[in-house]
Every structure is written in structure tokens, then in C-alpha cells.
């Protein structure tokens, strides 16, 4: 299991030391939530945070663009140090075109879907993306309870990807702890993004617990 700690719940005043803990725990990427106050009812993190994270770690930075126009803003975060980009199907951008543009420039890209969005809405294009991010909470705030109803969607996605011999990896984000992580793993998830579960306790141990699933 790959693990992507979400720094929305870390001690941002000590970002460098928090990222060192992630390194020691074996984190595979760092999940950075970008919120614009329009696509989601919250404003969080930004270009300067990404730059600071890039200076502090060699772990790839996964930029989760919870914004109305990811097609406008993704290059700002590319230039700040982002390694891969997660863009929402529900945004106002042409996601298929944005995905193609991002990959053409040599970056990995994922398509994200909210809890209420059915997998069938993106099944015809999912193979064009490196990742499928299944949101297991409503985007916008950390610390929400995992929505169990998304588990069948993770399984459906996994079976579709396997049946069609696609290379897309499935990531689950939102309320992921050890118990919910086990459910995601059993349903075919490849990557777990986790915020408060990891940063509310021993970071290294929590990452290792999730990686062992």
C-alpha cells in the first residue's frame, strides 16, 4: 500500500520537521490540499506552502486542486514544485483536455470524484489518467468521518480498471484511518491519503501501519 500524508492536518509552523517524520515513516508522496473558497467552502494552503514543502523534502508533492478552475492554476503549483496533480471532475474545467495537457508536459495527473459522483460518470476517460482519487468525505475540511458508501465505488473502480487492463491507480482520500484503510485495501485501493489520523499521533508509526495493509 502506498501512503500519502495530507499536510492539511500537520503543524504547519514546523512544516520541515513534520515532513522529516513523513520521510522516516516511508511516505510515498505528500498530499497538499489546495482550496479556493469557491469550489469548496474553505480556503487552505497555497503556492508558498508548496514551495516551502519542496525545499524541505524530496518526497514527491501531490497537489490536490479543490478549485473551480484547475486548468488556470495547475501551472502555478507545477512551478512551485508539484510532482503530480489531482483535478476534480466536478470543477468547471475541461478535465479530459486538462489531463492531456498535464501529461503532455511530463507530469502525472489524477481525476478526482466527490462522494456523490458515480464511477460511471468518468469510466470512459479514467484510463487516460494516472490516478483515480475517490473522495470518502465531502471536500473542504479535514477531520470528517469516512463515508462508508464509497467502498462499493472503490471496488467497482478496481474491477473496471483490472478488467480493462488499465494502469490507473486508485487513491482514497478523507477520514482514512487504520480501520477504514483496511476496507479500502480490500476493495482494491492502491494509495491512501490520510491527514488527521497520521498527524494526530506518532507520524512514523501511523504511516507504517497504513503501508502494511
N, C-alpha and C. Protein backbone atom coordinates (compact mmCIF):
# COMPACT_ATOMS: atom_id res chain seq x y z
N UNK A 1 0.83 -1.19 0.00
CA UNK A 1 0.00 0.00 0.00
C UNK A 1 0.88 1.25 0.00
N UNK A 2 0.55 2.19 -0.88
CA UNK A 2 1.23 3.47 -0.90
C UNK A 2 0.48 4.45 0.01
N UNK A 3 1.23 5.33 0.68
CA UNK A 3 0.63 6.25 1.64
C UNK A 3 1.06 7.67 1.34
N UNK A 4 0.07 8.58 1.34
CA UNK A 4 0.31 9.98 1.05
C UNK A 4 -0.22 10.84 2.21
N UNK A 5 0.63 11.18 3.18
CA UNK A 5 0.18 12.01 4.30
C UNK A 5 -0.29 13.38 3.81
N UNK A 6 -1.43 13.80 4.31
CA UNK A 6 -2.00 15.08 3.90
C UNK A 6 -1.64 16.15 4.92
N UNK A 7 -0.84 17.13 4.50
CA UNK A 7 -0.29 18.10 5.45
C UNK A 7 -1.30 19.13 5.91
N UNK A 8 -2.55 19.04 5.45
CA UNK A 8 -3.57 19.95 5.95
C UNK A 8 -3.74 19.83 7.46
N UNK A 9 -3.37 18.66 8.02
CA UNK A 9 -3.53 18.43 9.46
C UNK A 9 -2.21 18.46 10.23
N UNK A 10 -1.12 18.78 9.54
CA UNK A 10 0.16 18.80 10.26
C UNK A 10 0.37 20.15 10.94
N UNK A 11 1.44 20.25 11.71
CA UNK A 11 1.82 21.51 12.35
C UNK A 11 2.55 22.35 11.31
N UNK A 12 1.83 23.21 10.63
CA UNK A 12 2.41 23.97 9.53
C UNK A 12 3.51 24.93 10.00
N UNK A 13 3.49 25.30 11.29
CA UNK A 13 4.55 26.16 11.81
C UNK A 13 5.88 25.43 11.87
N UNK A 14 5.81 24.10 11.83
CA UNK A 14 7.02 23.26 11.85
C UNK A 14 6.98 22.29 10.66
N UNK A 15 6.68 22.83 9.49
CA UNK A 15 6.47 22.00 8.31
C UNK A 15 7.69 21.14 8.01
N UNK A 16 8.87 21.71 8.10
CA UNK A 16 10.07 20.95 7.78
C UNK A 16 10.23 19.72 8.64
N UNK A 17 10.04 19.87 9.94
CA UNK A 17 10.19 18.73 10.85
C UNK A 17 9.07 17.72 10.65
N UNK A 18 7.88 18.18 10.32
CA UNK A 18 6.77 17.27 10.05
C UNK A 18 7.05 16.42 8.81
N UNK A 19 7.64 17.05 7.81
CA UNK A 19 7.96 16.31 6.60
C UNK A 19 9.10 15.32 6.83
N UNK A 20 10.02 15.64 7.72
CA UNK A 20 11.08 14.69 8.06
C UNK A 20 10.49 13.45 8.71
N UNK A 21 9.47 13.65 9.52
CA UNK A 21 8.79 12.49 10.13
C UNK A 21 8.16 11.62 9.04
N UNK A 22 7.57 12.29 8.04
CA UNK A 22 6.97 11.54 6.93
C UNK A 22 8.04 10.74 6.18
N UNK A 23 9.19 11.35 6.00
CA UNK A 23 10.30 10.64 5.34
C UNK A 23 10.70 9.41 6.13
N UNK A 24 10.85 9.57 7.44
CA UNK A 24 11.26 8.44 8.27
C UNK A 24 10.21 7.35 8.29
N UNK A 25 8.95 7.74 8.14
CA UNK A 25 7.87 6.76 8.13
C UNK A 25 7.73 6.04 6.80
N UNK A 26 8.41 6.53 5.77
CA UNK A 26 8.35 5.88 4.46
C UNK A 26 7.23 6.37 3.57
N UNK A 27 6.78 7.61 3.77
CA UNK A 27 5.71 8.16 2.93
C UNK A 27 6.11 8.12 1.46
N UNK A 28 5.15 7.78 0.61
CA UNK A 28 5.41 7.67 -0.82
C UNK A 28 5.21 8.98 -1.56
N UNK A 29 4.36 9.83 -1.02
CA UNK A 29 4.13 11.17 -1.57
C UNK A 29 3.57 12.02 -0.45
N UNK A 30 3.52 13.31 -0.68
CA UNK A 30 2.92 14.25 0.27
C UNK A 30 1.70 14.88 -0.40
N UNK A 31 0.56 14.75 0.25
CA UNK A 31 -0.71 15.23 -0.29
C UNK A 31 -0.92 16.67 0.18
N UNK A 32 -1.08 17.59 -0.79
CA UNK A 32 -1.23 19.01 -0.47
C UNK A 32 -2.60 19.48 -0.96
N UNK A 33 -3.48 19.81 -0.03
CA UNK A 33 -4.84 20.26 -0.36
C UNK A 33 -4.85 21.75 -0.66
N UNK A 34 -5.30 22.10 -1.84
CA UNK A 34 -5.44 23.49 -2.25
C UNK A 34 -6.93 23.80 -2.35
N UNK A 35 -7.40 24.78 -1.58
CA UNK A 35 -8.83 25.12 -1.56
C UNK A 35 -9.01 26.60 -1.85
N UNK A 36 -9.98 26.91 -2.71
CA UNK A 36 -10.13 28.28 -3.19
C UNK A 36 -11.29 29.06 -2.58
N UNK A 37 -12.08 28.42 -1.71
CA UNK A 37 -13.22 29.12 -1.13
C UNK A 37 -14.42 29.22 -2.05
N UNK A 38 -14.34 28.64 -3.26
CA UNK A 38 -15.43 28.65 -4.22
C UNK A 38 -15.87 27.22 -4.54
N UNK A 39 -14.95 26.41 -5.01
CA UNK A 39 -15.27 25.00 -5.27
C UNK A 39 -15.61 24.29 -3.97
N UNK A 40 -14.92 24.67 -2.91
CA UNK A 40 -15.22 24.17 -1.56
C UNK A 40 -15.37 25.37 -0.63
N UNK A 41 -16.13 25.24 0.47
CA UNK A 41 -16.38 26.38 1.36
C UNK A 41 -15.25 26.61 2.36
N UNK A 42 -14.03 26.63 1.87
CA UNK A 42 -12.89 26.83 2.75
C UNK A 42 -11.73 27.32 1.90
N UNK A 43 -10.79 28.00 2.52
CA UNK A 43 -9.57 28.43 1.86
C UNK A 43 -8.40 27.79 2.61
N UNK A 44 -7.53 27.10 1.89
CA UNK A 44 -6.43 26.43 2.57
C UNK A 44 -5.23 26.27 1.66
N UNK A 45 -4.06 26.44 2.26
CA UNK A 45 -2.75 26.24 1.63
C UNK A 45 -2.64 27.02 0.32
N UNK A 46 -1.49 26.95 -0.29
CA UNK A 46 -1.27 27.75 -1.48
C UNK A 46 0.12 27.56 -2.01
N UNK A 47 0.51 28.42 -2.93
CA UNK A 47 1.78 28.31 -3.64
C UNK A 47 2.96 28.35 -2.67
N UNK A 48 2.93 29.25 -1.71
CA UNK A 48 4.06 29.39 -0.79
C UNK A 48 4.24 28.14 0.07
N UNK A 49 3.14 27.51 0.44
CA UNK A 49 3.25 26.26 1.20
C UNK A 49 3.91 25.18 0.37
N UNK A 50 3.54 25.10 -0.90
CA UNK A 50 4.14 24.11 -1.79
C UNK A 50 5.63 24.39 -1.96
N UNK A 51 6.01 25.65 -2.12
CA UNK A 51 7.42 25.99 -2.24
C UNK A 51 8.19 25.59 -0.99
N UNK A 52 7.60 25.86 0.18
CA UNK A 52 8.25 25.51 1.44
C UNK A 52 8.40 24.01 1.59
N UNK A 53 7.37 23.26 1.19
CA UNK A 53 7.44 21.81 1.26
C UNK A 53 8.50 21.28 0.31
N UNK A 54 8.59 21.85 -0.88
CA UNK A 54 9.58 21.43 -1.87
C UNK A 54 11.00 21.63 -1.34
N UNK A 55 11.21 22.73 -0.61
CA UNK A 55 12.53 22.99 -0.04
C UNK A 55 12.87 22.03 1.10
N UNK A 56 11.83 21.43 1.69
CA UNK A 56 12.02 20.66 2.92
C UNK A 56 12.09 19.16 2.71
N UNK A 57 11.69 18.67 1.54
CA UNK A 57 11.65 17.23 1.34
C UNK A 57 11.87 16.86 -0.12
N UNK A 58 12.35 15.65 -0.31
CA UNK A 58 12.50 15.12 -1.68
C UNK A 58 11.33 14.22 -2.05
N UNK A 59 10.40 14.01 -1.11
CA UNK A 59 9.21 13.20 -1.41
C UNK A 59 8.36 13.93 -2.44
N UNK A 60 7.85 13.25 -3.46
CA UNK A 60 7.00 13.91 -4.46
C UNK A 60 5.79 14.59 -3.83
N UNK A 61 5.47 15.77 -4.32
CA UNK A 61 4.33 16.53 -3.82
C UNK A 61 3.12 16.30 -4.72
N UNK A 62 2.06 15.82 -4.12
CA UNK A 62 0.81 15.52 -4.81
C UNK A 62 -0.14 16.69 -4.56
N UNK A 63 -0.45 17.45 -5.60
CA UNK A 63 -1.24 18.67 -5.45
C UNK A 63 -2.71 18.38 -5.75
N UNK A 64 -3.54 18.46 -4.72
CA UNK A 64 -4.98 18.18 -4.85
C UNK A 64 -5.69 19.52 -5.03
N UNK A 65 -6.09 19.80 -6.26
CA UNK A 65 -6.66 21.09 -6.61
C UNK A 65 -8.18 21.09 -6.42
N UNK A 66 -8.60 21.47 -5.22
CA UNK A 66 -10.02 21.63 -4.93
C UNK A 66 -10.41 23.07 -5.26
N UNK A 67 -10.37 23.37 -6.55
CA UNK A 67 -10.61 24.73 -7.04
C UNK A 67 -11.53 24.66 -8.26
N UNK A 68 -12.22 25.77 -8.52
CA UNK A 68 -13.15 25.80 -9.65
C UNK A 68 -12.44 25.69 -10.99
N UNK A 69 -11.25 26.27 -11.11
CA UNK A 69 -10.56 26.31 -12.39
C UNK A 69 -9.14 25.74 -12.27
N UNK A 70 -9.01 24.44 -12.11
CA UNK A 70 -7.67 23.84 -12.04
C UNK A 70 -6.87 24.06 -13.31
N UNK A 71 -7.55 24.26 -14.44
CA UNK A 71 -6.84 24.49 -15.69
C UNK A 71 -6.08 25.81 -15.67
N UNK A 72 -6.54 26.76 -14.88
CA UNK A 72 -5.86 28.05 -14.77
C UNK A 72 -4.70 27.97 -13.78
N UNK A 73 -4.89 27.24 -12.69
CA UNK A 73 -3.95 27.31 -11.58
C UNK A 73 -2.91 26.20 -11.50
N UNK A 74 -3.07 25.11 -12.25
CA UNK A 74 -2.16 23.99 -12.01
C UNK A 74 -0.71 24.34 -12.31
N UNK A 75 -0.46 25.22 -13.29
CA UNK A 75 0.91 25.56 -13.64
C UNK A 75 1.61 26.37 -12.54
N UNK A 76 0.84 27.13 -11.78
CA UNK A 76 1.43 27.84 -10.64
C UNK A 76 2.01 26.84 -9.65
N UNK A 77 1.29 25.76 -9.42
CA UNK A 77 1.74 24.75 -8.47
C UNK A 77 2.80 23.83 -9.07
N UNK A 78 2.78 23.68 -10.38
CA UNK A 78 3.87 22.98 -11.06
C UNK A 78 5.17 23.74 -10.84
N UNK A 79 5.13 25.04 -11.07
CA UNK A 79 6.33 25.87 -10.93
C UNK A 79 6.78 25.95 -9.47
N UNK A 80 5.86 25.77 -8.55
CA UNK A 80 6.20 25.82 -7.12
C UNK A 80 6.83 24.52 -6.63
N UNK A 81 6.71 23.45 -7.44
CA UNK A 81 7.35 22.20 -7.04
C UNK A 81 6.46 20.98 -7.03
N UNK A 82 5.23 21.10 -7.51
CA UNK A 82 4.34 19.95 -7.55
C UNK A 82 4.82 18.89 -8.51
N UNK A 83 4.63 17.62 -8.14
CA UNK A 83 5.06 16.50 -8.98
C UNK A 83 3.90 15.87 -9.74
N UNK A 84 2.73 15.82 -9.10
CA UNK A 84 1.56 15.28 -9.78
C UNK A 84 0.34 16.05 -9.29
N UNK A 85 -0.73 15.98 -10.10
CA UNK A 85 -1.86 16.86 -9.88
C UNK A 85 -3.16 16.08 -9.90
N UNK A 86 -4.02 16.36 -8.93
CA UNK A 86 -5.32 15.72 -8.81
C UNK A 86 -6.38 16.78 -9.07
N UNK A 87 -7.18 16.58 -10.11
CA UNK A 87 -8.14 17.59 -10.55
C UNK A 87 -9.56 17.00 -10.51
N UNK A 88 -10.51 17.82 -10.11
CA UNK A 88 -11.86 17.33 -9.89
C UNK A 88 -12.71 17.32 -11.15
N UNK A 89 -13.34 16.19 -11.36
CA UNK A 89 -14.32 16.04 -12.44
C UNK A 89 -15.42 17.08 -12.31
N UNK A 90 -15.77 17.44 -11.08
CA UNK A 90 -16.89 18.35 -10.83
C UNK A 90 -16.52 19.82 -11.01
N UNK A 91 -15.26 20.11 -11.30
CA UNK A 91 -14.84 21.50 -11.47
C UNK A 91 -15.36 22.06 -12.80
N UNK A 92 -15.05 23.31 -13.06
CA UNK A 92 -15.53 23.96 -14.28
C UNK A 92 -14.60 23.77 -15.47
N UNK A 93 -13.51 23.06 -15.26
CA UNK A 93 -12.54 22.85 -16.34
C UNK A 93 -12.94 21.69 -17.23
N UNK A 94 -12.39 21.67 -18.44
CA UNK A 94 -12.50 20.52 -19.32
C UNK A 94 -11.44 19.53 -18.84
N UNK A 95 -11.87 18.56 -18.04
CA UNK A 95 -10.93 17.69 -17.35
C UNK A 95 -10.16 16.79 -18.31
N UNK A 96 -10.81 16.30 -19.34
CA UNK A 96 -10.12 15.47 -20.31
C UNK A 96 -8.99 16.25 -20.99
N UNK A 97 -9.28 17.49 -21.36
CA UNK A 97 -8.26 18.32 -22.01
C UNK A 97 -7.15 18.67 -21.03
N UNK A 98 -7.51 18.98 -19.80
CA UNK A 98 -6.52 19.33 -18.78
C UNK A 98 -5.61 18.14 -18.49
N UNK A 99 -6.20 16.95 -18.41
CA UNK A 99 -5.40 15.76 -18.18
C UNK A 99 -4.39 15.54 -19.29
N UNK A 100 -4.83 15.71 -20.53
CA UNK A 100 -3.94 15.54 -21.68
C UNK A 100 -2.82 16.58 -21.68
N UNK A 101 -3.16 17.80 -21.33
CA UNK A 101 -2.17 18.88 -21.30
C UNK A 101 -1.11 18.60 -20.22
N UNK A 102 -1.56 18.18 -19.06
CA UNK A 102 -0.65 17.92 -17.95
C UNK A 102 0.32 16.79 -18.31
N UNK A 103 -0.21 15.73 -18.88
CA UNK A 103 0.63 14.58 -19.24
C UNK A 103 1.58 14.94 -20.38
N UNK A 104 1.14 15.78 -21.30
CA UNK A 104 1.99 16.20 -22.42
C UNK A 104 3.21 16.93 -21.90
N UNK A 105 3.06 17.64 -20.79
CA UNK A 105 4.17 18.38 -20.21
C UNK A 105 5.01 17.51 -19.28
N UNK A 106 4.67 16.23 -19.19
CA UNK A 106 5.51 15.29 -18.46
C UNK A 106 5.15 15.08 -17.00
N UNK A 107 3.95 15.48 -16.61
CA UNK A 107 3.52 15.33 -15.22
C UNK A 107 2.41 14.29 -15.11
N UNK A 108 2.38 13.62 -13.98
CA UNK A 108 1.31 12.66 -13.73
C UNK A 108 0.08 13.41 -13.26
N UNK A 109 -1.09 12.86 -13.59
CA UNK A 109 -2.33 13.55 -13.26
C UNK A 109 -3.40 12.54 -12.87
N UNK A 110 -4.24 12.95 -11.93
CA UNK A 110 -5.34 12.10 -11.49
C UNK A 110 -6.66 12.81 -11.59
N UNK A 111 -7.71 12.05 -11.80
CA UNK A 111 -9.06 12.59 -11.82
C UNK A 111 -9.71 12.27 -10.48
N UNK A 112 -10.26 13.28 -9.82
CA UNK A 112 -10.88 13.13 -8.50
C UNK A 112 -12.39 13.21 -8.64
N UNK A 113 -13.08 12.38 -7.85
CA UNK A 113 -14.54 12.41 -7.85
C UNK A 113 -15.07 12.50 -6.42
N UNK A 114 -16.07 13.33 -6.24
CA UNK A 114 -16.70 13.52 -4.94
C UNK A 114 -17.56 12.32 -4.56
N UNK A 115 -17.93 12.21 -3.29
CA UNK A 115 -18.70 11.04 -2.83
C UNK A 115 -19.99 10.79 -3.62
N UNK A 116 -20.64 11.85 -4.05
CA UNK A 116 -21.93 11.69 -4.74
C UNK A 116 -21.77 11.38 -6.24
N UNK A 117 -20.56 11.49 -6.77
CA UNK A 117 -20.34 11.24 -8.19
C UNK A 117 -20.15 9.75 -8.45
N UNK A 118 -20.93 9.22 -9.36
CA UNK A 118 -20.82 7.79 -9.69
C UNK A 118 -19.58 7.53 -10.54
N UNK A 119 -19.02 6.35 -10.38
CA UNK A 119 -17.87 5.97 -11.19
C UNK A 119 -18.23 5.97 -12.67
N UNK A 120 -19.45 5.61 -13.00
CA UNK A 120 -19.87 5.55 -14.40
C UNK A 120 -19.73 6.90 -15.11
N UNK A 121 -19.72 7.99 -14.33
CA UNK A 121 -19.61 9.32 -14.93
C UNK A 121 -18.24 9.56 -15.56
N UNK A 122 -17.23 8.81 -15.10
CA UNK A 122 -15.88 9.04 -15.60
C UNK A 122 -15.23 7.76 -16.15
N UNK A 123 -15.99 6.68 -16.21
CA UNK A 123 -15.41 5.40 -16.61
C UNK A 123 -14.83 5.43 -18.02
N UNK A 124 -15.40 6.26 -18.90
CA UNK A 124 -14.92 6.28 -20.29
C UNK A 124 -13.60 7.03 -20.44
N UNK A 125 -13.19 7.81 -19.44
CA UNK A 125 -11.94 8.56 -19.54
C UNK A 125 -10.93 8.19 -18.45
N UNK A 126 -11.31 7.34 -17.50
CA UNK A 126 -10.43 7.07 -16.37
C UNK A 126 -9.09 6.50 -16.81
N UNK A 127 -9.08 5.75 -17.91
CA UNK A 127 -7.84 5.16 -18.39
C UNK A 127 -6.85 6.18 -18.93
N UNK A 128 -7.30 7.41 -19.16
CA UNK A 128 -6.42 8.47 -19.63
C UNK A 128 -5.65 9.13 -18.49
N UNK A 129 -5.97 8.73 -17.26
CA UNK A 129 -5.36 9.34 -16.09
C UNK A 129 -4.48 8.33 -15.35
N UNK A 130 -3.45 8.85 -14.68
CA UNK A 130 -2.55 8.00 -13.90
C UNK A 130 -3.20 7.56 -12.60
N UNK A 131 -4.11 8.38 -12.08
CA UNK A 131 -4.75 8.11 -10.80
C UNK A 131 -6.24 8.40 -10.87
N UNK A 132 -6.98 7.67 -10.05
CA UNK A 132 -8.37 7.98 -9.77
C UNK A 132 -8.46 8.23 -8.27
N UNK A 133 -8.80 9.46 -7.89
CA UNK A 133 -8.94 9.80 -6.48
C UNK A 133 -10.41 9.74 -6.10
N UNK A 134 -10.74 8.78 -5.25
CA UNK A 134 -12.11 8.64 -4.75
C UNK A 134 -12.20 9.36 -3.41
N UNK A 135 -12.99 10.41 -3.37
CA UNK A 135 -13.18 11.15 -2.12
C UNK A 135 -14.13 10.38 -1.21
N UNK A 136 -13.68 10.16 0.02
CA UNK A 136 -14.51 9.45 1.00
C UNK A 136 -15.05 10.39 2.06
N UNK A 137 -14.92 11.68 1.83
CA UNK A 137 -15.60 12.75 2.59
C UNK A 137 -15.96 13.82 1.56
N UNK A 138 -16.81 14.75 1.97
CA UNK A 138 -17.10 15.90 1.10
C UNK A 138 -15.91 16.85 1.20
N UNK A 139 -15.31 17.23 0.09
CA UNK A 139 -14.08 18.01 0.14
C UNK A 139 -14.28 19.37 0.78
N UNK A 140 -13.22 19.82 1.47
CA UNK A 140 -13.26 21.16 2.04
C UNK A 140 -12.76 21.27 3.46
N UNK A 141 -12.89 20.20 4.24
CA UNK A 141 -12.48 20.27 5.65
C UNK A 141 -11.84 18.97 6.08
N UNK A 142 -10.78 19.08 6.87
CA UNK A 142 -10.13 17.90 7.42
C UNK A 142 -10.89 17.43 8.65
N UNK A 143 -10.73 16.15 9.00
CA UNK A 143 -11.31 15.61 10.22
C UNK A 143 -12.72 15.07 10.08
N UNK A 144 -13.24 14.98 8.85
CA UNK A 144 -14.59 14.45 8.66
C UNK A 144 -14.62 12.93 8.79
N UNK A 145 -15.80 12.41 9.04
CA UNK A 145 -15.98 10.97 9.15
C UNK A 145 -16.03 10.32 7.78
N UNK A 146 -15.34 9.21 7.64
CA UNK A 146 -15.30 8.43 6.40
C UNK A 146 -16.71 8.00 5.99
N UNK A 147 -17.04 8.19 4.72
CA UNK A 147 -18.35 7.81 4.20
C UNK A 147 -18.27 6.38 3.67
N UNK A 148 -18.84 5.44 4.39
CA UNK A 148 -18.73 4.02 4.03
C UNK A 148 -19.35 3.70 2.67
N UNK A 149 -20.29 4.52 2.22
CA UNK A 149 -20.97 4.25 0.95
C UNK A 149 -20.03 4.32 -0.25
N UNK A 150 -18.82 4.87 -0.07
CA UNK A 150 -17.91 4.95 -1.22
C UNK A 150 -17.16 3.63 -1.45
N UNK A 151 -17.20 2.73 -0.48
CA UNK A 151 -16.45 1.47 -0.61
C UNK A 151 -16.89 0.67 -1.85
N UNK A 152 -18.19 0.51 -2.11
CA UNK A 152 -18.58 -0.18 -3.34
C UNK A 152 -18.06 0.51 -4.59
N UNK A 153 -17.93 1.84 -4.56
CA UNK A 153 -17.40 2.57 -5.71
C UNK A 153 -15.92 2.27 -5.91
N UNK A 154 -15.18 2.14 -4.82
CA UNK A 154 -13.77 1.76 -4.92
C UNK A 154 -13.65 0.38 -5.55
N UNK A 155 -14.48 -0.53 -5.09
CA UNK A 155 -14.45 -1.90 -5.64
C UNK A 155 -14.85 -1.92 -7.11
N UNK A 156 -15.89 -1.18 -7.46
CA UNK A 156 -16.33 -1.10 -8.85
C UNK A 156 -15.22 -0.54 -9.73
N UNK A 157 -14.56 0.50 -9.24
CA UNK A 157 -13.47 1.12 -9.99
C UNK A 157 -12.33 0.14 -10.21
N UNK A 158 -11.96 -0.55 -9.13
CA UNK A 158 -10.87 -1.51 -9.19
C UNK A 158 -11.16 -2.63 -10.18
N UNK A 159 -12.37 -3.14 -10.14
CA UNK A 159 -12.75 -4.23 -11.05
C UNK A 159 -12.75 -3.75 -12.50
N UNK A 160 -13.22 -2.53 -12.74
CA UNK A 160 -13.25 -1.97 -14.10
C UNK A 160 -11.82 -1.80 -14.62
N UNK A 161 -10.96 -1.24 -13.80
CA UNK A 161 -9.57 -1.00 -14.19
C UNK A 161 -8.86 -2.32 -14.49
N UNK A 162 -9.10 -3.30 -13.64
CA UNK A 162 -8.48 -4.62 -13.84
C UNK A 162 -9.02 -5.30 -15.10
N UNK A 163 -10.33 -5.25 -15.27
CA UNK A 163 -10.98 -5.91 -16.41
C UNK A 163 -10.52 -5.32 -17.74
N UNK A 164 -10.28 -4.02 -17.74
CA UNK A 164 -9.88 -3.34 -18.97
C UNK A 164 -8.36 -3.16 -19.09
N UNK A 165 -7.64 -3.79 -18.16
CA UNK A 165 -6.17 -3.78 -18.18
C UNK A 165 -5.61 -2.35 -18.23
N UNK A 166 -6.19 -1.47 -17.42
CA UNK A 166 -5.72 -0.09 -17.33
C UNK A 166 -4.62 0.02 -16.27
N UNK A 167 -3.83 1.07 -16.37
CA UNK A 167 -2.73 1.28 -15.43
C UNK A 167 -3.06 2.28 -14.33
N UNK A 168 -4.27 2.79 -14.33
CA UNK A 168 -4.70 3.80 -13.37
C UNK A 168 -4.67 3.25 -11.95
N UNK A 169 -4.05 3.99 -11.04
CA UNK A 169 -4.02 3.62 -9.62
C UNK A 169 -5.17 4.32 -8.89
N UNK A 170 -5.75 3.62 -7.92
CA UNK A 170 -6.88 4.16 -7.15
C UNK A 170 -6.38 4.69 -5.81
N UNK A 171 -6.72 5.93 -5.54
CA UNK A 171 -6.39 6.57 -4.27
C UNK A 171 -7.68 6.94 -3.55
N UNK A 172 -7.67 6.79 -2.23
CA UNK A 172 -8.84 7.17 -1.42
C UNK A 172 -8.41 8.26 -0.44
N UNK A 173 -9.23 9.28 -0.31
CA UNK A 173 -8.89 10.45 0.50
C UNK A 173 -10.09 10.89 1.32
N UNK A 174 -9.89 10.96 2.64
CA UNK A 174 -10.92 11.50 3.52
C UNK A 174 -11.31 10.58 4.65
N UNK A 175 -10.95 10.94 5.87
CA UNK A 175 -11.34 10.14 7.02
C UNK A 175 -10.67 8.78 7.09
N UNK A 176 -9.55 8.64 6.42
CA UNK A 176 -8.88 7.33 6.36
C UNK A 176 -8.07 7.09 7.63
N UNK A 177 -8.43 6.04 8.35
CA UNK A 177 -7.66 5.56 9.49
C UNK A 177 -7.33 4.09 9.24
N UNK A 178 -6.84 3.39 10.25
CA UNK A 178 -6.44 2.00 10.02
C UNK A 178 -7.64 1.13 9.68
N UNK A 179 -8.74 1.32 10.39
CA UNK A 179 -9.96 0.51 10.14
C UNK A 179 -10.49 0.75 8.72
N UNK A 180 -10.64 2.02 8.34
CA UNK A 180 -11.17 2.33 7.01
C UNK A 180 -10.15 2.00 5.92
N UNK A 181 -8.88 2.14 6.27
CA UNK A 181 -7.85 1.78 5.31
C UNK A 181 -7.91 0.32 4.93
N UNK A 182 -8.21 -0.54 5.89
CA UNK A 182 -8.35 -1.97 5.61
C UNK A 182 -9.49 -2.21 4.62
N UNK A 183 -10.60 -1.51 4.80
CA UNK A 183 -11.72 -1.65 3.88
C UNK A 183 -11.33 -1.20 2.47
N UNK A 184 -10.59 -0.09 2.40
CA UNK A 184 -10.16 0.42 1.09
C UNK A 184 -9.21 -0.57 0.42
N UNK A 185 -8.28 -1.10 1.19
CA UNK A 185 -7.31 -2.05 0.65
C UNK A 185 -8.01 -3.30 0.13
N UNK A 186 -8.97 -3.79 0.89
CA UNK A 186 -9.71 -4.99 0.49
C UNK A 186 -10.55 -4.76 -0.76
N UNK A 187 -10.89 -3.50 -1.02
CA UNK A 187 -11.72 -3.16 -2.17
C UNK A 187 -10.90 -2.80 -3.40
N UNK A 188 -9.57 -2.76 -3.26
CA UNK A 188 -8.72 -2.54 -4.42
C UNK A 188 -7.98 -1.22 -4.48
N UNK A 189 -8.00 -0.45 -3.39
CA UNK A 189 -7.27 0.82 -3.39
C UNK A 189 -5.76 0.56 -3.42
N UNK A 190 -5.04 1.44 -4.08
CA UNK A 190 -3.59 1.35 -4.17
C UNK A 190 -2.86 2.38 -3.31
N UNK A 191 -3.55 3.50 -3.06
CA UNK A 191 -2.94 4.62 -2.33
C UNK A 191 -3.94 5.13 -1.29
N UNK A 192 -3.45 5.44 -0.10
CA UNK A 192 -4.28 6.02 0.95
C UNK A 192 -3.74 7.40 1.30
N UNK A 193 -4.57 8.42 1.16
CA UNK A 193 -4.24 9.75 1.64
C UNK A 193 -4.87 9.89 3.02
N UNK A 194 -4.10 10.36 3.98
CA UNK A 194 -4.62 10.46 5.34
C UNK A 194 -4.04 11.69 6.01
N UNK A 195 -4.89 12.42 6.73
CA UNK A 195 -4.48 13.67 7.36
C UNK A 195 -4.44 13.54 8.88
N UNK A 196 -5.61 13.71 9.52
CA UNK A 196 -5.65 13.75 10.98
C UNK A 196 -5.23 12.44 11.62
N UNK A 197 -5.52 11.30 10.99
CA UNK A 197 -5.10 10.01 11.56
C UNK A 197 -3.59 9.96 11.70
N UNK A 198 -2.88 10.40 10.68
CA UNK A 198 -1.42 10.35 10.72
C UNK A 198 -0.84 11.40 11.66
N UNK A 199 -1.30 12.63 11.54
CA UNK A 199 -0.66 13.72 12.27
C UNK A 199 -1.17 13.92 13.69
N UNK A 200 -2.15 13.14 14.12
CA UNK A 200 -2.65 13.28 15.49
C UNK A 200 -1.90 12.40 16.47
N UNK A 201 -0.95 11.61 15.97
CA UNK A 201 -0.21 10.69 16.84
C UNK A 201 1.21 10.56 16.31
N UNK A 202 1.83 9.41 16.54
CA UNK A 202 3.19 9.17 16.05
C UNK A 202 3.17 9.02 14.54
N UNK A 203 3.68 10.01 13.85
CA UNK A 203 3.58 10.07 12.39
C UNK A 203 4.22 8.85 11.73
N UNK A 204 5.43 8.51 12.17
CA UNK A 204 6.13 7.39 11.55
C UNK A 204 5.36 6.09 11.71
N UNK A 205 4.87 5.85 12.92
CA UNK A 205 4.14 4.61 13.18
C UNK A 205 2.84 4.54 12.41
N UNK A 206 2.12 5.67 12.35
CA UNK A 206 0.84 5.67 11.64
C UNK A 206 1.03 5.41 10.14
N UNK A 207 2.07 6.00 9.57
CA UNK A 207 2.34 5.75 8.15
C UNK A 207 2.67 4.28 7.93
N UNK A 208 3.49 3.71 8.79
CA UNK A 208 3.86 2.31 8.66
C UNK A 208 2.66 1.40 8.83
N UNK A 209 1.76 1.75 9.74
CA UNK A 209 0.54 0.94 9.92
C UNK A 209 -0.27 0.89 8.63
N UNK A 210 -0.42 2.04 7.97
CA UNK A 210 -1.19 2.07 6.73
C UNK A 210 -0.46 1.36 5.59
N UNK A 211 0.86 1.50 5.55
CA UNK A 211 1.62 0.86 4.49
C UNK A 211 1.58 -0.65 4.60
N UNK A 212 1.32 -1.16 5.79
CA UNK A 212 1.30 -2.63 5.98
C UNK A 212 0.02 -3.28 5.51
N UNK A 213 -0.98 -2.49 5.12
CA UNK A 213 -2.28 -3.05 4.74
C UNK A 213 -2.20 -3.77 3.39
